[in-house]
Amino acid sequence: MDVQDLSNRFVRLDIFDPSRVLACVVVRSLLFERIKARQYDDPHLLVLRYTVLRGGAKEAVIGDDGVLQLQGRICIPNMDGLRELIFEEAHSSRYSIHPGTTKMHRDLKQYY
């Protein structure tokens, strides 16, 4: 019902009418921004970032958004309880379904 309510609040735009403005809304988790910022404070990730910038790491990349990734997964700094926050958000979010600890860990492992 919350999702339907949000959908009803947005104006639907006709992209073929040149007199109208097309807008885009991007929602991003504050957790993602914290991870991105703290990657610069983790000494291990700084070494990996430097290696990537020198071209010496084949499986690690710095994405267009500036986030360090290893084998397609976001590198999480081991500080500020960020790892625990990820599990907490996945487990307790209003928009997630708790599938059990093993499956939840396996699903999160795809991204982090």
PDB file of N, CA and C in Angstrom:
ATOM      1  N   MET A   1       0.814  -1.181   0.000  1.00  0.00           N
ATOM      2  CA  MET A   1       0.000   0.000   0.000  1.00  0.00           C
ATOM      3  C   MET A   1       0.871   1.263   0.000  1.00  0.00           C
ATOM      4  N   ASP A   2       2.009   1.244   0.723  1.00  0.00           N
ATOM      5  CA  ASP A   2       2.915   2.391   0.737  1.00  0.00           C
ATOM      6  C   ASP A   2       3.478   2.657  -0.652  1.00  0.00           C
ATOM      7  N   VAL A   3       3.833   1.592  -1.358  1.00  0.00           N
ATOM      8  CA  VAL A   3       4.391   1.746  -2.699  1.00  0.00           C
ATOM      9  C   VAL A   3       3.350   2.353  -3.635  1.00  0.00           C
ATOM     10  N   GLN A   4       2.108   1.895  -3.545  1.00  0.00           N
ATOM     11  CA  GLN A   4       1.035   2.451  -4.372  1.00  0.00           C
ATOM     12  C   GLN A   4       0.815   3.920  -4.053  1.00  0.00           C
ATOM     13  N   ASP A   5       0.849   4.278  -2.771  1.00  0.00           N
ATOM     14  CA  ASP A   5       0.675   5.668  -2.358  1.00  0.00           C
ATOM     15  C   ASP A   5       1.775   6.542  -2.944  1.00  0.00           C
ATOM     16  N   LEU A   6       3.019   6.069  -2.899  1.00  0.00           N
ATOM     17  CA  LEU A   6       4.123   6.824  -3.485  1.00  0.00           C
ATOM     18  C   LEU A   6       3.943   6.989  -4.991  1.00  0.00           C
ATOM     19  N   SER A   7       3.503   5.931  -5.638  1.00  0.00           N
ATOM     20  CA  SER A   7       3.282   5.980  -7.074  1.00  0.00           C
ATOM     21  C   SER A   7       2.213   7.003  -7.421  1.00  0.00           C
ATOM     22  N   ASN A   8       1.174   7.088  -6.626  1.00  0.00           N
ATOM     23  CA  ASN A   8       0.091   8.036  -6.886  1.00  0.00           C
ATOM     24  C   ASN A   8       0.520   9.483  -6.687  1.00  0.00           C
ATOM     25  N   ARG A   9       1.547   9.729  -5.905  1.00  0.00           N
ATOM     26  CA  ARG A   9       2.013  11.095  -5.638  1.00  0.00           C
ATOM     27  C   ARG A   9       2.861  11.668  -6.767  1.00  0.00           C
ATOM     28  N   PHE A  10       3.465  10.798  -7.584  1.00  0.00           N
ATOM     29  CA  PHE A  10       4.321  11.268  -8.664  1.00  0.00           C
ATOM     30  C   PHE A  10       3.482  11.637  -9.883  1.00  0.00           C
ATOM     31  N   VAL A  11       3.929  12.659 -10.596  1.00  0.00           N
ATOM     32  CA  VAL A  11       3.249  13.086 -11.811  1.00  0.00           C
ATOM     33  C   VAL A  11       3.759  12.231 -12.955  1.00  0.00           C
ATOM     34  N   ARG A  12       2.866  11.717 -13.719  1.00  0.00           N
ATOM     35  CA  ARG A  12       3.269  10.930 -14.887  1.00  0.00           C
ATOM     36  C   ARG A  12       3.515  11.887 -16.042  1.00  0.00           C
ATOM     37  N   LEU A  13       4.627  11.757 -16.696  1.00  0.00           N
ATOM     38  CA  LEU A  13       5.009  12.678 -17.757  1.00  0.00           C
ATOM     39  C   LEU A  13       4.887  12.016 -19.119  1.00  0.00           C
ATOM     40  N   ASP A  14       4.473  12.779 -20.075  1.00  0.00           N
ATOM     41  CA  ASP A  14       4.417  12.322 -21.458  1.00  0.00           C
ATOM     42  C   ASP A  14       5.718  12.758 -22.121  1.00  0.00           C
ATOM     43  N   ILE A  15       6.607  11.827 -22.391  1.00  0.00           N
ATOM     44  CA  ILE A  15       7.930  12.193 -22.915  1.00  0.00           C
ATOM     45  C   ILE A  15       7.877  12.646 -24.368  1.00  0.00           C
ATOM     46  N   PHE A  16       6.737  12.453 -25.029  1.00  0.00           N
ATOM     47  CA  PHE A  16       6.628  12.859 -26.428  1.00  0.00           C
ATOM     48  C   PHE A  16       6.110  14.294 -26.567  1.00  0.00           C
ATOM     49  N   ASP A  17       5.738  14.924 -25.474  1.00  0.00           N
ATOM     50  CA  ASP A  17       5.259  16.305 -25.486  1.00  0.00           C
ATOM     51  C   ASP A  17       6.426  17.218 -25.145  1.00  0.00           C
ATOM     52  N   PRO A  18       6.946  18.003 -26.119  1.00  0.00           N
ATOM     53  CA  PRO A  18       8.130  18.834 -25.861  1.00  0.00           C
ATOM     54  C   PRO A  18       7.898  19.957 -24.858  1.00  0.00           C
ATOM     55  N   SER A  19       6.647  20.243 -24.529  1.00  0.00           N
ATOM     56  CA  SER A  19       6.390  21.314 -23.567  1.00  0.00           C
ATOM     57  C   SER A  19       6.528  20.838 -22.129  1.00  0.00           C
ATOM     58  N   ARG A  20       6.734  19.554 -21.931  1.00  0.00           N
ATOM     59  CA  ARG A  20       6.855  19.005 -20.572  1.00  0.00           C
ATOM     60  C   ARG A  20       8.315  18.725 -20.252  1.00  0.00           C
ATOM     61  N   VAL A  21       8.620  18.702 -18.979  1.00  0.00           N
ATOM     62  CA  VAL A  21       9.978  18.440 -18.511  1.00  0.00           C
ATOM     63  C   VAL A  21      10.042  17.004 -18.012  1.00  0.00           C
ATOM     64  N   LEU A  22      11.054  16.291 -18.408  1.00  0.00           N
ATOM     65  CA  LEU A  22      11.264  14.922 -17.937  1.00  0.00           C
ATOM     66  C   LEU A  22      12.219  14.961 -16.755  1.00  0.00           C
ATOM     67  N   ALA A  23      11.843  14.342 -15.666  1.00  0.00           N
ATOM     68  CA  ALA A  23      12.676  14.346 -14.459  1.00  0.00           C
ATOM     69  C   ALA A  23      12.957  12.918 -14.027  1.00  0.00           C
ATOM     70  N   CYS A  24      14.021  12.766 -13.288  1.00  0.00           N
ATOM     71  CA  CYS A  24      14.409  11.454 -12.790  1.00  0.00           C
ATOM     72  C   CYS A  24      14.687  11.556 -11.299  1.00  0.00           C
ATOM     73  N   VAL A  25      14.145  10.633 -10.546  1.00  0.00           N
ATOM     74  CA  VAL A  25      14.387  10.587  -9.114  1.00  0.00           C
ATOM     75  C   VAL A  25      15.246   9.361  -8.838  1.00  0.00           C
ATOM     76  N   VAL A  26      16.378   9.578  -8.165  1.00  0.00           N
ATOM     77  CA  VAL A  26      17.268   8.482  -7.817  1.00  0.00           C
ATOM     78  C   VAL A  26      17.305   8.372  -6.303  1.00  0.00           C
ATOM     79  N   VAL A  27      17.043   7.172  -5.812  1.00  0.00           N
ATOM     80  CA  VAL A  27      17.075   6.936  -4.378  1.00  0.00           C
ATOM     81  C   VAL A  27      18.291   6.075  -4.085  1.00  0.00           C
ATOM     82  N   ARG A  28      19.084   6.510  -3.139  1.00  0.00           N
ATOM     83  CA  ARG A  28      20.282   5.764  -2.777  1.00  0.00           C
ATOM     84  C   ARG A  28      20.351   5.690  -1.265  1.00  0.00           C
ATOM     85  N   SER A  29      20.735   4.560  -0.768  1.00  0.00           N
ATOM     86  CA  SER A  29      20.847   4.338   0.663  1.00  0.00           C
ATOM     87  C   SER A  29      21.962   5.195   1.259  1.00  0.00           C
ATOM     88  N   LEU A  30      21.703   5.741   2.424  1.00  0.00           N
ATOM     89  CA  LEU A  30      22.759   6.469   3.138  1.00  0.00           C
ATOM     90  C   LEU A  30      23.881   5.521   3.537  1.00  0.00           C
ATOM     91  N   LEU A  31      23.552   4.255   3.714  1.00  0.00           N
ATOM     92  CA  LEU A  31      24.550   3.250   4.040  1.00  0.00           C
ATOM     93  C   LEU A  31      25.587   3.162   2.920  1.00  0.00           C
ATOM     94  N   PHE A  32      25.130   3.216   1.677  1.00  0.00           N
ATOM     95  CA  PHE A  32      26.047   3.165   0.542  1.00  0.00           C
ATOM     96  C   PHE A  32      27.016   4.348   0.585  1.00  0.00           C
ATOM     97  N   GLU A  33      26.499   5.536   0.896  1.00  0.00           N
ATOM     98  CA  GLU A  33      27.358   6.717   0.975  1.00  0.00           C
ATOM     99  C   GLU A  33      28.367   6.592   2.114  1.00  0.00           C
ATOM    100  N   ARG A  34      27.957   5.987   3.230  1.00  0.00           N
ATOM    101  CA  ARG A  34      28.890   5.776   4.353  1.00  0.00           C
ATOM    102  C   ARG A  34      29.992   4.810   3.955  1.00  0.00           C
ATOM    103  N   ILE A  35      29.623   3.744   3.256  1.00  0.00           N
ATOM    104  CA  ILE A  35      30.615   2.762   2.797  1.00  0.00           C
ATOM    105  C   ILE A  35      31.614   3.437   1.871  1.00  0.00           C
ATOM    106  N   LYS A  36      31.098   4.209   0.924  1.00  0.00           N
ATOM    107  CA  LYS A  36      31.951   4.897  -0.036  1.00  0.00           C
ATOM    108  C   LYS A  36      32.936   5.831   0.671  1.00  0.00           C
ATOM    109  N   ALA A  37      32.451   6.602   1.622  1.00  0.00           N
ATOM    110  CA  ALA A  37      33.311   7.555   2.334  1.00  0.00           C
ATOM    111  C   ALA A  37      34.346   6.846   3.192  1.00  0.00           C
ATOM    112  N   ARG A  38      33.959   5.771   3.853  1.00  0.00           N
ATOM    113  CA  ARG A  38      34.872   5.077   4.777  1.00  0.00           C
ATOM    114  C   ARG A  38      35.896   4.210   4.052  1.00  0.00           C
ATOM    115  N   GLN A  39      35.706   3.943   2.768  1.00  0.00           N
ATOM    116  CA  GLN A  39      36.714   3.179   2.027  1.00  0.00           C
ATOM    117  C   GLN A  39      38.059   3.899   2.039  1.00  0.00           C
ATOM    118  N   TYR A  40      38.046   5.209   2.143  1.00  0.00           N
ATOM    119  CA  TYR A  40      39.286   5.991   2.167  1.00  0.00           C
ATOM    120  C   TYR A  40      39.964   5.967   3.532  1.00  0.00           C
ATOM    121  N   ASP A  41      39.275   5.453   4.546  1.00  0.00           N
ATOM    122  CA  ASP A  41      39.843   5.407   5.896  1.00  0.00           C
ATOM    123  C   ASP A  41      40.401   4.031   6.257  1.00  0.00           C
ATOM    124  N   ASP A  42      40.097   3.028   5.451  1.00  0.00           N
ATOM    125  CA  ASP A  42      40.568   1.665   5.719  1.00  0.00           C
ATOM    126  C   ASP A  42      41.931   1.478   5.044  1.00  0.00           C
ATOM    127  N   PRO A  43      42.983   1.230   5.827  1.00  0.00           N
ATOM    128  CA  PRO A  43      44.326   1.128   5.236  1.00  0.00           C
ATOM    129  C   PRO A  43      44.463   0.005   4.213  1.00  0.00           C
ATOM    130  N   HIS A  44      43.777  -1.107   4.424  1.00  0.00           N
ATOM    131  CA  HIS A  44      43.854  -2.223   3.470  1.00  0.00           C
ATOM    132  C   HIS A  44      43.204  -1.846   2.138  1.00  0.00           C
ATOM    133  N   LEU A  45      42.083  -1.132   2.214  1.00  0.00           N
ATOM    134  CA  LEU A  45      41.403  -0.723   0.990  1.00  0.00           C
ATOM    135  C   LEU A  45      42.158   0.393   0.276  1.00  0.00           C
ATOM    136  N   LEU A  46      42.884   1.214   1.026  1.00  0.00           N
ATOM    137  CA  LEU A  46      43.712   2.240   0.396  1.00  0.00           C
ATOM    138  C   LEU A  46      44.833   1.622  -0.420  1.00  0.00           C
ATOM    139  N   VAL A  47      45.439   0.558   0.099  1.00  0.00           N
ATOM    140  CA  VAL A  47      46.488  -0.155  -0.644  1.00  0.00           C
ATOM    141  C   VAL A  47      45.900  -0.748  -1.917  1.00  0.00           C
ATOM    142  N   LEU A  48      44.717  -1.372  -1.802  1.00  0.00           N
ATOM    143  CA  LEU A  48      44.069  -1.962  -2.970  1.00  0.00           C
ATOM    144  C   LEU A  48      43.693  -0.884  -3.981  1.00  0.00           C
ATOM    145  N   ARG A  49      43.180   0.248  -3.498  1.00  0.00           N
ATOM    146  CA  ARG A  49      42.810   1.355  -4.389  1.00  0.00           C
ATOM    147  C   ARG A  49      44.042   1.859  -5.152  1.00  0.00           C
ATOM    148  N   TYR A  50      45.147   2.017  -4.452  1.00  0.00           N
ATOM    149  CA  TYR A  50      46.379   2.478  -5.080  1.00  0.00           C
ATOM    150  C   TYR A  50      46.852   1.471  -6.136  1.00  0.00           C
ATOM    151  N   THR A  51      46.731   0.190  -5.827  1.00  0.00           N
ATOM    152  CA  THR A  51      47.114  -0.858  -6.775  1.00  0.00           C
ATOM    153  C   THR A  51      46.238  -0.804  -8.027  1.00  0.00           C
ATOM    154  N   VAL A  52      44.941  -0.582  -7.838  1.00  0.00           N
ATOM    155  CA  VAL A  52      44.022  -0.465  -8.976  1.00  0.00           C
ATOM    156  C   VAL A  52      44.399   0.736  -9.838  1.00  0.00           C
ATOM    157  N   LEU A  53      44.671   1.864  -9.209  1.00  0.00           N
ATOM    158  CA  LEU A  53      45.019   3.078  -9.956  1.00  0.00           C
ATOM    159  C   LEU A  53      46.319   2.919 -10.743  1.00  0.00           C
ATOM    160  N   ARG A  54      47.231   2.102 -10.228  1.00  0.00           N
ATOM    161  CA  ARG A  54      48.479   1.817 -10.946  1.00  0.00           C
ATOM    162  C   ARG A  54      48.284   0.781 -12.035  1.00  0.00           C
ATOM    163  N   GLY A  55      47.126   0.122 -12.054  1.00  0.00           N
ATOM    164  CA  GLY A  55      46.865  -0.903 -13.064  1.00  0.00           C
ATOM    165  C   GLY A  55      47.339  -2.279 -12.663  1.00  0.00           C
ATOM    166  N   GLY A  56      47.638  -2.487 -11.381  1.00  0.00           N
ATOM    167  CA  GLY A  56      48.185  -3.759 -10.928  1.00  0.00           C
ATOM    168  C   GLY A  56      47.182  -4.742 -10.364  1.00  0.00           C
ATOM    169  N   ALA A  57      45.909  -4.403 -10.337  1.00  0.00           N
ATOM    170  CA  ALA A  57      44.892  -5.312  -9.787  1.00  0.00           C
ATOM    171  C   ALA A  57      43.885  -5.630 -10.890  1.00  0.00           C
ATOM    172  N   LYS A  58      43.861  -6.874 -11.315  1.00  0.00           N
ATOM    173  CA  LYS A  58      42.985  -7.254 -12.425  1.00  0.00           C
ATOM    174  C   LYS A  58      41.555  -7.528 -11.989  1.00  0.00           C
ATOM    175  N   GLU A  59      41.367  -7.984 -10.764  1.00  0.00           N
ATOM    176  CA  GLU A  59      40.021  -8.343 -10.310  1.00  0.00           C
ATOM    177  C   GLU A  59      39.349  -7.213  -9.530  1.00  0.00           C
ATOM    178  N   ALA A  60      40.065  -6.139  -9.286  1.00  0.00           N
ATOM    179  CA  ALA A  60      39.501  -5.000  -8.552  1.00  0.00           C
ATOM    180  C   ALA A  60      39.357  -3.818  -9.504  1.00  0.00           C
ATOM    181  N   VAL A  61      38.274  -3.053  -9.301  1.00  0.00           N
ATOM    182  CA  VAL A  61      38.026  -1.873 -10.122  1.00  0.00           C
ATOM    183  C   VAL A  61      37.478  -0.755  -9.240  1.00  0.00           C
ATOM    184  N   ILE A  62      37.624   0.443  -9.733  1.00  0.00           N
ATOM    185  CA  ILE A  62      36.969   1.589  -9.112  1.00  0.00           C
ATOM    186  C   ILE A  62      35.860   1.988 -10.074  1.00  0.00           C
ATOM    187  N   GLY A  63      34.620   1.874  -9.614  1.00  0.00           N
ATOM    188  CA  GLY A  63      33.464   2.137 -10.461  1.00  0.00           C
ATOM    189  C   GLY A  63      33.324   3.608 -10.816  1.00  0.00           C
ATOM    190  N   ASP A  64      32.381   3.895 -11.714  1.00  0.00           N
ATOM    191  CA  ASP A  64      32.114   5.264 -12.130  1.00  0.00           C
ATOM    192  C   ASP A  64      31.698   6.146 -10.954  1.00  0.00           C
ATOM    193  N   ASP A  65      31.129   5.516  -9.916  1.00  0.00           N
ATOM    194  CA  ASP A  65      30.692   6.252  -8.728  1.00  0.00           C
ATOM    195  C   ASP A  65      31.813   6.413  -7.703  1.00  0.00           C
ATOM    196  N   GLY A  66      33.029   5.895  -8.031  1.00  0.00           N
ATOM    197  CA  GLY A  66      34.176   6.027  -7.142  1.00  0.00           C
ATOM    198  C   GLY A  66      34.283   4.953  -6.084  1.00  0.00           C
ATOM    199  N   VAL A  67      33.433   3.937  -6.157  1.00  0.00           N
ATOM    200  CA  VAL A  67      33.410   2.873  -5.156  1.00  0.00           C
ATOM    201  C   VAL A  67      34.331   1.736  -5.590  1.00  0.00           C
ATOM    202  N   LEU A  68      35.179   1.316  -4.678  1.00  0.00           N
ATOM    203  CA  LEU A  68      36.102   0.221  -4.920  1.00  0.00           C
ATOM    204  C   LEU A  68      35.357  -1.104  -4.871  1.00  0.00           C
ATOM    205  N   GLN A  69      35.554  -1.924  -5.902  1.00  0.00           N
ATOM    206  CA  GLN A  69      34.895  -3.226  -5.980  1.00  0.00           C
ATOM    207  C   GLN A  69      35.934  -4.306  -6.272  1.00  0.00           C
ATOM    208  N   LEU A  70      35.721  -5.461  -5.706  1.00  0.00           N
ATOM    209  CA  LEU A  70      36.587  -6.604  -5.937  1.00  0.00           C
ATOM    210  C   LEU A  70      35.725  -7.736  -6.456  1.00  0.00           C
ATOM    211  N   GLN A  71      36.022  -8.221  -7.639  1.00  0.00           N
ATOM    212  CA  GLN A  71      35.260  -9.278  -8.295  1.00  0.00           C
ATOM    213  C   GLN A  71      33.773  -8.920  -8.380  1.00  0.00           C
ATOM    214  N   GLY A  72      33.492  -7.656  -8.688  1.00  0.00           N
ATOM    215  CA  GLY A  72      32.120  -7.200  -8.865  1.00  0.00           C
ATOM    216  C   GLY A  72      31.348  -6.932  -7.581  1.00  0.00           C
ATOM    217  N   ARG A  73      32.014  -7.026  -6.430  1.00  0.00           N
ATOM    218  CA  ARG A  73      31.340  -6.795  -5.148  1.00  0.00           C
ATOM    219  C   ARG A  73      31.954  -5.589  -4.458  1.00  0.00           C
ATOM    220  N   ILE A  74      31.136  -4.802  -3.784  1.00  0.00           N
ATOM    221  CA  ILE A  74      31.588  -3.607  -3.087  1.00  0.00           C
ATOM    222  C   ILE A  74      32.473  -4.000  -1.909  1.00  0.00           C
ATOM    223  N   CYS A  75      33.619  -3.349  -1.787  1.00  0.00           N
ATOM    224  CA  CYS A  75      34.528  -3.596  -0.666  1.00  0.00           C
ATOM    225  C   CYS A  75      34.024  -2.824   0.552  1.00  0.00           C
ATOM    226  N   ILE A  76      33.761  -3.527   1.638  1.00  0.00           N
ATOM    227  CA  ILE A  76      33.238  -2.925   2.852  1.00  0.00           C
ATOM    228  C   ILE A  76      34.383  -2.725   3.837  1.00  0.00           C
ATOM    229  N   PRO A  77      34.616  -1.484   4.268  1.00  0.00           N
ATOM    230  CA  PRO A  77      35.656  -1.240   5.267  1.00  0.00           C
ATOM    231  C   PRO A  77      35.306  -1.918   6.588  1.00  0.00           C
ATOM    232  N   ASN A  78      36.302  -2.409   7.278  1.00  0.00           N
ATOM    233  CA  ASN A  78      36.085  -3.094   8.545  1.00  0.00           C
ATOM    234  C   ASN A  78      36.144  -2.069   9.675  1.00  0.00           C
ATOM    235  N   MET A  79      35.162  -1.166   9.694  1.00  0.00           N
ATOM    236  CA  MET A  79      35.109  -0.126  10.718  1.00  0.00           C
ATOM    237  C   MET A  79      33.679   0.372  10.865  1.00  0.00           C
ATOM    238  N   ASP A  80      33.427   1.024  11.988  1.00  0.00           N
ATOM    239  CA  ASP A  80      32.124   1.637  12.285  1.00  0.00           C
ATOM    240  C   ASP A  80      30.959   0.653  12.250  1.00  0.00           C
ATOM    241  N   GLY A  81      31.231  -0.630  12.319  1.00  0.00           N
ATOM    242  CA  GLY A  81      30.153  -1.607  12.311  1.00  0.00           C
ATOM    243  C   GLY A  81      29.379  -1.652  11.003  1.00  0.00           C
ATOM    244  N   LEU A  82      30.019  -1.260   9.890  1.00  0.00           N
ATOM    245  CA  LEU A  82      29.322  -1.226   8.606  1.00  0.00           C
ATOM    246  C   LEU A  82      28.835  -2.604   8.173  1.00  0.00           C
ATOM    247  N   ARG A  83      29.626  -3.616   8.414  1.00  0.00           N
ATOM    248  CA  ARG A  83      29.227  -4.974   8.026  1.00  0.00           C
ATOM    249  C   ARG A  83      27.987  -5.408   8.779  1.00  0.00           C
ATOM    250  N   GLU A  84      27.950  -5.094  10.057  1.00  0.00           N
ATOM    251  CA  GLU A  84      26.783  -5.449  10.867  1.00  0.00           C
ATOM    252  C   GLU A  84      25.551  -4.655  10.420  1.00  0.00           C
ATOM    253  N   LEU A  85      25.765  -3.394  10.029  1.00  0.00           N
ATOM    254  CA  LEU A  85      24.652  -2.569   9.550  1.00  0.00           C
ATOM    255  C   LEU A  85      24.033  -3.136   8.273  1.00  0.00           C
ATOM    256  N   ILE A  86      24.870  -3.691   7.417  1.00  0.00           N
ATOM    257  CA  ILE A  86      24.361  -4.303   6.183  1.00  0.00           C
ATOM    258  C   ILE A  86      23.462  -5.480   6.519  1.00  0.00           C
ATOM    259  N   PHE A  87      23.906  -6.344   7.423  1.00  0.00           N
ATOM    260  CA  PHE A  87      23.084  -7.485   7.827  1.00  0.00           C
ATOM    261  C   PHE A  87      21.800  -7.009   8.503  1.00  0.00           C
ATOM    262  N   GLU A  88      21.910  -5.983   9.336  1.00  0.00           N
ATOM    263  CA  GLU A  88      20.739  -5.462  10.034  1.00  0.00           C
ATOM    264  C   GLU A  88      19.716  -4.908   9.046  1.00  0.00           C
ATOM    265  N   GLU A  89      20.199  -4.144   8.068  1.00  0.00           N
ATOM    266  CA  GLU A  89      19.287  -3.577   7.072  1.00  0.00           C
ATOM    267  C   GLU A  89      18.633  -4.680   6.246  1.00  0.00           C
ATOM    268  N   ALA A  90      19.409  -5.677   5.870  1.00  0.00           N
ATOM    269  CA  ALA A  90      18.846  -6.776   5.084  1.00  0.00           C
ATOM    270  C   ALA A  90      17.845  -7.596   5.902  1.00  0.00           C
ATOM    271  N   HIS A  91      18.083  -7.690   7.188  1.00  0.00           N
ATOM    272  CA  HIS A  91      17.232  -8.517   8.046  1.00  0.00           C
ATOM    273  C   HIS A  91      15.989  -7.777   8.507  1.00  0.00           C
ATOM    274  N   SER A  92      16.113  -6.486   8.805  1.00  0.00           N
ATOM    275  CA  SER A  92      15.029  -5.769   9.466  1.00  0.00           C
ATOM    276  C   SER A  92      14.309  -4.738   8.606  1.00  0.00           C
ATOM    277  N   SER A  93      14.740  -4.538   7.397  1.00  0.00           N
ATOM    278  CA  SER A  93      14.109  -3.537   6.556  1.00  0.00           C
ATOM    279  C   SER A  93      12.646  -3.875   6.313  1.00  0.00           C
ATOM    280  N   ARG A  94      11.809  -2.823   6.203  1.00  0.00           N
ATOM    281  CA  ARG A  94      10.387  -3.033   5.923  1.00  0.00           C
ATOM    282  C   ARG A  94      10.169  -3.680   4.565  1.00  0.00           C
ATOM    283  N   TYR A  95      11.141  -3.519   3.675  1.00  0.00           N
ATOM    284  CA  TYR A  95      10.968  -3.979   2.303  1.00  0.00           C
ATOM    285  C   TYR A  95      11.683  -5.291   2.010  1.00  0.00           C
ATOM    286  N   SER A  96      12.178  -5.928   3.043  1.00  0.00           N
ATOM    287  CA  SER A  96      12.836  -7.214   2.831  1.00  0.00           C
ATOM    288  C   SER A  96      12.039  -8.314   3.514  1.00  0.00           C
ATOM    289  N   ILE A  97      12.208  -9.487   2.984  1.00  0.00           N
ATOM    290  CA  ILE A  97      11.576 -10.665   3.568  1.00  0.00           C
ATOM    291  C   ILE A  97      12.701 -11.506   4.148  1.00  0.00           C
ATOM    292  N   HIS A  98      12.565 -11.887   5.393  1.00  0.00           N
ATOM    293  CA  HIS A  98      13.631 -12.651   6.044  1.00  0.00           C
ATOM    294  C   HIS A  98      13.598 -14.093   5.544  1.00  0.00           C
ATOM    295  N   PRO A  99      14.552 -14.465   4.672  1.00  0.00           N
ATOM    296  CA  PRO A  99      14.554 -15.801   4.094  1.00  0.00           C
ATOM    297  C   PRO A  99      15.329 -16.829   4.917  1.00  0.00           C
ATOM    298  N   GLY A 100      15.867 -16.439   6.052  1.00  0.00           N
ATOM    299  CA  GLY A 100      16.714 -17.326   6.840  1.00  0.00           C
ATOM    300  C   GLY A 100      18.153 -16.865   6.738  1.00  0.00           C
ATOM    301  N   THR A 101      18.930 -17.169   7.746  1.00  0.00           N
ATOM    302  CA  THR A 101      20.291 -16.659   7.839  1.00  0.00           C
ATOM    303  C   THR A 101      21.173 -17.102   6.680  1.00  0.00           C
ATOM    304  N   THR A 102      21.144 -18.361   6.324  1.00  0.00           N
ATOM    305  CA  THR A 102      22.018 -18.874   5.269  1.00  0.00           C
ATOM    306  C   THR A 102      21.699 -18.235   3.925  1.00  0.00           C
ATOM    307  N   LYS A 103      20.426 -18.190   3.569  1.00  0.00           N
ATOM    308  CA  LYS A 103      20.042 -17.604   2.287  1.00  0.00           C
ATOM    309  C   LYS A 103      20.307 -16.104   2.275  1.00  0.00           C
ATOM    310  N   MET A 104      20.050 -15.421   3.385  1.00  0.00           N
ATOM    311  CA  MET A 104      20.289 -13.988   3.457  1.00  0.00           C
ATOM    312  C   MET A 104      21.775 -13.697   3.248  1.00  0.00           C
ATOM    313  N   HIS A 105      22.640 -14.447   3.891  1.00  0.00           N
ATOM    314  CA  HIS A 105      24.085 -14.267   3.741  1.00  0.00           C
ATOM    315  C   HIS A 105      24.513 -14.522   2.298  1.00  0.00           C
ATOM    316  N   ARG A 106      23.966 -15.574   1.698  1.00  0.00           N
ATOM    317  CA  ARG A 106      24.308 -15.908   0.314  1.00  0.00           C
ATOM    318  C   ARG A 106      23.857 -14.786  -0.630  1.00  0.00           C
ATOM    319  N   ASP A 107      22.655 -14.241  -0.410  1.00  0.00           N
ATOM    320  CA  ASP A 107      22.158 -13.159  -1.258  1.00  0.00           C
ATOM    321  C   ASP A 107      23.007 -11.900  -1.111  1.00  0.00           C
ATOM    322  N   LEU A 108      23.371 -11.534   0.120  1.00  0.00           N
ATOM    323  CA  LEU A 108      24.193 -10.343   0.339  1.00  0.00           C
ATOM    324  C   LEU A 108      25.592 -10.503  -0.216  1.00  0.00           C
ATOM    325  N   LYS A 109      26.098 -11.716  -0.209  1.00  0.00           N
ATOM    326  CA  LYS A 109      27.453 -11.982  -0.667  1.00  0.00           C
ATOM    327  C   LYS A 109      27.633 -11.633  -2.145  1.00  0.00           C
ATOM    328  N   GLN A 110      26.528 -11.581  -2.885  1.00  0.00           N
ATOM    329  CA  GLN A 110      26.606 -11.213  -4.302  1.00  0.00           C
ATOM    330  C   GLN A 110      27.079  -9.779  -4.490  1.00  0.00           C
ATOM    331  N   TYR A 111      26.769  -8.908  -3.520  1.00  0.00           N
ATOM    332  CA  TYR A 111      27.025  -7.478  -3.685  1.00  0.00           C
ATOM    333  C   TYR A 111      28.142  -6.933  -2.821  1.00  0.00           C
ATOM    334  N   TYR A 112      28.380  -7.546  -1.651  1.00  0.00           N
ATOM    335  CA  TYR A 112      29.364  -7.017  -0.689  1.00  0.00           C
ATOM    336  C   TYR A 112      30.453  -8.023  -0.408  1.00  0.00           C
TER     337      TYR A 112
END
